[in-house]
C-alpha atoms as a PDB file:
ATOM      1  CA  MET A   1     154.324 365.443  19.685  1.00  0.00           C
ATOM      2  CA  TRP A   2     151.671 362.607  19.461  1.00  0.00           C
ATOM      3  CA  GLY A   3     150.021 364.322  22.491  1.00  0.00           C
ATOM      4  CA  VAL A   4     153.013 363.553  24.725  1.00  0.00           C
ATOM      5  CA  GLY A   5     155.025 366.288  26.439  1.00  0.00           C
ATOM      6  CA  THR A   6     158.353 367.268  25.509  1.00  0.00           C
ATOM      7  CA  VAL A   7     159.730 366.602  28.955  1.00  0.00           C
ATOM      8  CA  PHE A   8     158.485 363.080  28.817  1.00  0.00           C
ATOM      9  CA  ILE A   9     160.060 362.394  25.670  1.00  0.00           C
ATOM     10  CA  VAL A  10     163.365 363.821  26.917  1.00  0.00           C
ATOM     11  CA  GLY A  11     163.287 361.682  30.055  1.00  0.00           C
ATOM     12  CA  VAL A  12     162.372 358.454  28.095  1.00  0.00           C
ATOM     13  CA  LEU A  13     165.148 359.015  25.581  1.00  0.00           C
ATOM     14  CA  GLY A  14     167.643 359.738  28.428  1.00  0.00           C
ATOM     15  CA  MET A  15     166.659 356.486  30.083  1.00  0.00           C
ATOM     16  CA  VAL A  16     166.917 354.609  26.579  1.00  0.00           C
ATOM     17  CA  LEU A  17     170.439 355.804  26.435  1.00  0.00           C
ATOM     18  CA  ALA A  18     171.435 355.633  29.904  1.00  0.00           C
ATOM     19  CA  ILE A  19     170.340 352.018  30.750  1.00  0.00           C
ATOM     20  CA  PRO A  20     172.369 350.373  27.950  1.00  0.00           C
ATOM     21  CA  LEU A  21     175.288 352.604  28.684  1.00  0.00           C
ATOM     22  CA  MET A  22     175.221 351.620  32.361  1.00  0.00           C
ATOM     23  CA  LEU A  23     175.247 348.013  31.482  1.00  0.00           C
ATOM     24  CA  ILE A  24     177.983 348.169  29.262  1.00  0.00           C
ATOM     25  CA  TRP A  25     180.125 350.075  31.716  1.00  0.00           C
ATOM     26  CA  GLN A  26     179.298 347.567  34.314  1.00  0.00           C
ATOM     27  CA  PHE A  27     181.164 345.085  32.378  1.00  0.00           C
ATOM     28  CA  LYS A  28     184.068 347.445  31.488  1.00  0.00           C
ATOM     29  CA  ALA A  29     184.398 348.765  35.136  1.00  0.00           C
ATOM     30  CA  PRO A  30     182.770 346.533  37.609  1.00  0.00           C
ATOM     31  CA  ALA A  31     184.643 347.873  40.558  1.00  0.00           C
ATOM     32  CA  PHE A  32     182.745 351.265  40.410  1.00  0.00           C
ATOM     33  CA  PHE A  33     179.485 349.456  40.876  1.00  0.00           C
ATOM     34  CA  ARG A  34     180.720 347.474  44.116  1.00  0.00           C
ATOM     35  CA  GLY A  35     181.976 350.793  45.476  1.00  0.00           C
ATOM     36  CA  GLN A  36     185.568 349.832  45.178  1.00  0.00           C
ATOM     37  CA  THR A  37     186.855 352.827  43.032  1.00  0.00           C
ATOM     38  CA  LEU A  38     188.954 354.692  45.844  1.00  0.00           C
ATOM     39  CA  PRO A  39     192.440 353.256  46.079  1.00  0.00           C
ATOM     40  CA  LYS A  40     193.184 351.916  49.501  1.00  0.00           C
ATOM     41  CA  GLN A  41     196.249 354.212  50.107  1.00  0.00           C
ATOM     42  CA  ARG A  42     193.859 357.305  49.872  1.00  0.00           C
ATOM     43  CA  ALA A  43     191.116 355.843  51.994  1.00  0.00           C
ATOM     44  CA  HIS A  44     192.330 358.137  54.932  1.00  0.00           C
ATOM     45  CA  TRP A  45     191.359 361.240  52.941  1.00  0.00           C
ATOM     46  CA  ILE A  46     187.821 360.334  53.774  1.00  0.00           C
ATOM     47  CA  THR A  47     186.708 361.589  57.330  1.00  0.00           C
ATOM     48  CA  ASP A  48     183.317 361.540  59.167  1.00  0.00           C
ATOM     49  CA  GLU A  49     183.884 365.188  60.194  1.00  0.00           C
ATOM     50  CA  PRO A  50     182.332 368.028  58.091  1.00  0.00           C
ATOM     51  CA  THR A  51     185.019 370.088  56.229  1.00  0.00           C
ATOM     52  CA  PRO A  52     185.092 373.719  57.722  1.00  0.00           C
ATOM     53  CA  GLN A  53     183.724 376.355  55.584  1.00  0.00           C
ATOM     54  CA  PRO A  54     185.572 379.816  55.194  1.00  0.00           C
ATOM     55  CA  GLU A  55     183.865 382.990  56.526  1.00  0.00           C
ATOM     56  CA  PRO A  56     181.911 385.091  54.109  1.00  0.00           C
ATOM     57  CA  ALA A  57     183.885 387.987  52.535  1.00  0.00           C
ATOM     58  CA  GLY A  58     183.356 391.184  54.047  1.00  0.00           C
ATOM     59  CA  HIS A  59     181.898 389.986  57.251  1.00  0.00           C
ATOM     60  CA  ASP A  60     183.420 392.035  60.134  1.00  0.00           C
ATOM     61  CA  GLU A  61     183.318 390.749  63.846  1.00  0.00           C
ATOM     62  CA  SER A  62     183.842 394.301  65.323  1.00  0.00           C
END
């Protein structure tokens, strides 16, 4: 299309749609852009320790 790749067109159209939506949403929900979306009473849910992962199924230790 006009010598321009499809990936480029999709990327540009994505930005053309995303930028105005982000600007509109910044006025609708400014707390999100300030990083204040997590309620204070749930702040204790966040830890610096990694979440333990379960053992893979069918893995015998014997």
